[in-house]
Protein backbone atom coordinates (compact mmCIF):
# COMPACT_ATOMS: atom_id res chain seq x y z
CA GLN A 1 235.67 -24.84 61.73
CA VAL A 2 237.42 -21.78 60.30
CA GLN A 3 235.00 -18.87 60.20
CA LEU A 4 235.08 -15.19 59.32
CA VAL A 5 232.20 -12.93 60.29
CA GLU A 6 231.92 -9.39 58.92
CA SER A 7 229.95 -6.56 60.48
CA GLY A 8 229.64 -2.79 60.30
CA GLY A 9 227.98 -2.29 56.93
CA GLY A 10 224.97 -0.10 56.39
CA LEU A 11 223.30 2.68 54.43
CA VAL A 12 225.16 6.00 54.39
CA GLN A 13 225.36 9.17 52.35
CA ALA A 14 228.21 10.12 50.06
CA GLY A 15 231.06 11.56 52.09
CA ASP A 16 230.22 9.56 55.22
CA SER A 17 232.43 7.00 56.93
CA LEU A 18 232.04 3.39 58.01
CA ARG A 19 234.26 0.97 59.86
CA LEU A 20 233.95 -2.69 58.94
CA SER A 21 235.09 -5.48 61.23
CA CYS A 22 235.86 -9.13 60.55
CA VAL A 23 236.24 -11.54 63.45
CA GLY A 24 237.99 -14.82 62.78
CA SER A 25 237.88 -18.12 64.59
CA GLY A 26 239.40 -21.55 64.16
CA LEU A 27 242.86 -20.28 63.14
CA PRO A 28 244.96 -17.38 64.41
CA PHE A 29 245.53 -14.30 62.28
CA SER A 30 249.20 -13.87 63.14
CA THR A 31 250.61 -15.83 60.17
CA ALA A 32 247.82 -15.27 57.67
CA ASN A 33 247.44 -12.85 54.81
CA ILE A 34 244.03 -11.23 55.21
CA ALA A 35 242.13 -9.01 52.84
CA TRP A 36 238.96 -7.20 51.89
CA PHE A 37 237.17 -7.73 48.59
CA ARG A 38 233.89 -6.33 47.35
CA GLN A 39 231.27 -7.31 44.81
CA ALA A 40 228.59 -5.11 43.29
CA PRO A 41 225.46 -6.61 41.67
CA GLY A 42 226.23 -8.02 38.24
CA LYS A 43 229.97 -7.48 38.62
CA GLU A 44 232.89 -9.71 39.52
CA ARG A 45 234.49 -9.63 42.93
CA GLU A 46 237.29 -7.07 43.12
CA PHE A 47 240.22 -6.49 45.41
CA VAL A 48 240.01 -3.65 47.94
CA ALA A 49 242.82 -3.98 50.49
CA ALA A 50 245.16 -6.56 52.00
CA SER A 51 247.52 -7.06 54.93
CA ARG A 52 250.44 -9.49 54.62
CA TRP A 53 251.55 -11.17 57.82
CA ARG A 54 255.26 -11.27 56.98
CA THR A 55 255.66 -7.51 56.59
CA GLY A 56 252.52 -5.89 57.92
CA VAL A 57 252.58 -3.59 54.90
CA PRO A 58 249.10 -2.65 53.67
CA TYR A 59 248.09 -2.78 50.02
CA TYR A 60 245.20 -0.96 48.38
CA ALA A 61 243.34 -0.84 45.13
CA ASP A 62 243.89 2.44 43.32
CA SER A 63 240.20 3.27 43.65
CA VAL A 64 240.37 3.43 47.47
CA LYS A 65 243.87 4.79 48.15
CA GLY A 66 243.77 7.76 50.48
CA ARG A 67 240.23 6.95 51.60
CA PHE A 68 240.34 3.44 53.08
CA ALA A 69 242.68 2.02 55.72
CA ILE A 70 243.14 -1.65 56.58
CA SER A 71 244.35 -2.74 60.00
CA ARG A 72 244.52 -5.91 62.04
CA ASP A 73 244.53 -6.96 65.67
CA ASN A 74 246.08 -10.41 65.80
CA ALA A 75 245.42 -10.83 69.52
CA LYS A 76 241.70 -10.43 68.82
CA SER A 77 241.78 -12.20 65.44
CA THR A 78 240.06 -9.16 63.99
CA LEU A 79 240.48 -7.34 60.69
CA TYR A 80 239.23 -3.80 60.15
CA LEU A 81 238.52 -1.58 57.19
CA GLN A 82 238.09 2.12 57.89
CA MET A 83 236.26 3.69 54.97
CA ASN A 84 236.21 7.48 54.69
CA ASN A 85 234.72 9.80 52.09
CA LEU A 86 232.50 7.05 50.74
CA LYS A 87 231.25 7.34 47.19
CA PRO A 88 228.24 5.76 45.45
CA GLU A 89 230.60 3.56 43.45
CA ASP A 90 231.72 1.99 46.74
CA THR A 91 228.30 0.34 47.05
CA ALA A 92 228.84 -3.42 47.23
CA VAL A 93 228.88 -6.45 49.46
CA TYR A 94 232.20 -6.42 51.29
CA TYR A 95 233.91 -9.69 52.14
CA CYS A 96 236.87 -10.45 54.34
CA ALA A 97 239.16 -13.32 53.41
CA ARG A 98 242.24 -15.07 54.72
CA THR A 99 244.85 -17.58 53.65
CA TYR A 100 245.87 -20.65 55.55
CA ASN A 101 248.76 -20.19 58.00
CA ASN A 102 252.32 -19.34 56.91
CA ASP A 103 251.46 -18.13 53.45
CA TYR A 104 254.54 -16.80 51.66
CA SER A 105 252.87 -15.85 48.40
CA ALA A 106 253.62 -12.40 47.04
CA ILE A 107 250.21 -12.28 45.37
CA TYR A 108 247.67 -10.43 47.47
CA ASP A 109 245.08 -8.95 45.09
CA VAL A 110 243.60 -12.10 43.51
CA SER A 111 240.63 -13.81 45.13
CA GLY A 112 242.00 -17.26 44.33
CA GLN A 113 244.85 -16.70 46.81
CA TYR A 114 242.45 -16.77 49.76
CA ARG A 115 241.09 -20.00 51.15
CA TYR A 116 238.54 -18.78 53.69
CA TRP A 117 235.79 -16.21 53.21
CA GLY A 118 233.16 -14.50 55.30
CA GLN A 119 229.50 -14.16 54.40
CA GLY A 120 229.78 -10.48 53.49
CA THR A 121 228.30 -7.24 54.77
CA GLN A 122 226.33 -4.80 52.63
CA VAL A 123 227.57 -1.24 52.17
CA THR A 124 225.22 1.13 50.37
CA VAL A 125 226.22 4.72 49.64
CA ALA A 126 223.46 7.07 48.58
CA PRO A 127 224.41 9.77 46.07
């Protein structure tokens, strides 16, 4: 019923840019915390960026600050991740995730806070 579908991944060279999209259905985005996580082979899923519905303030992992930008379009139930100056260490499967409606939690960087997940989109950055 509630679905998230990512797109926009691909194979790029170091220094290139990509823009990921995540389209939601089943529940509106307007009162949900939504986020991007990524997982490289053999590693645990890690936080990348988040957008809290109450404030609209973006949050970023230190590893992507200044390079990535998260944004949301609630009218289109779409989440974006603009990725600039990509590095080989950014190579991973990128997942979008969201909470249920009216989430007031102050925790945004832990995967367990998010109830719904997309299938992921592969980003590969050649050195």
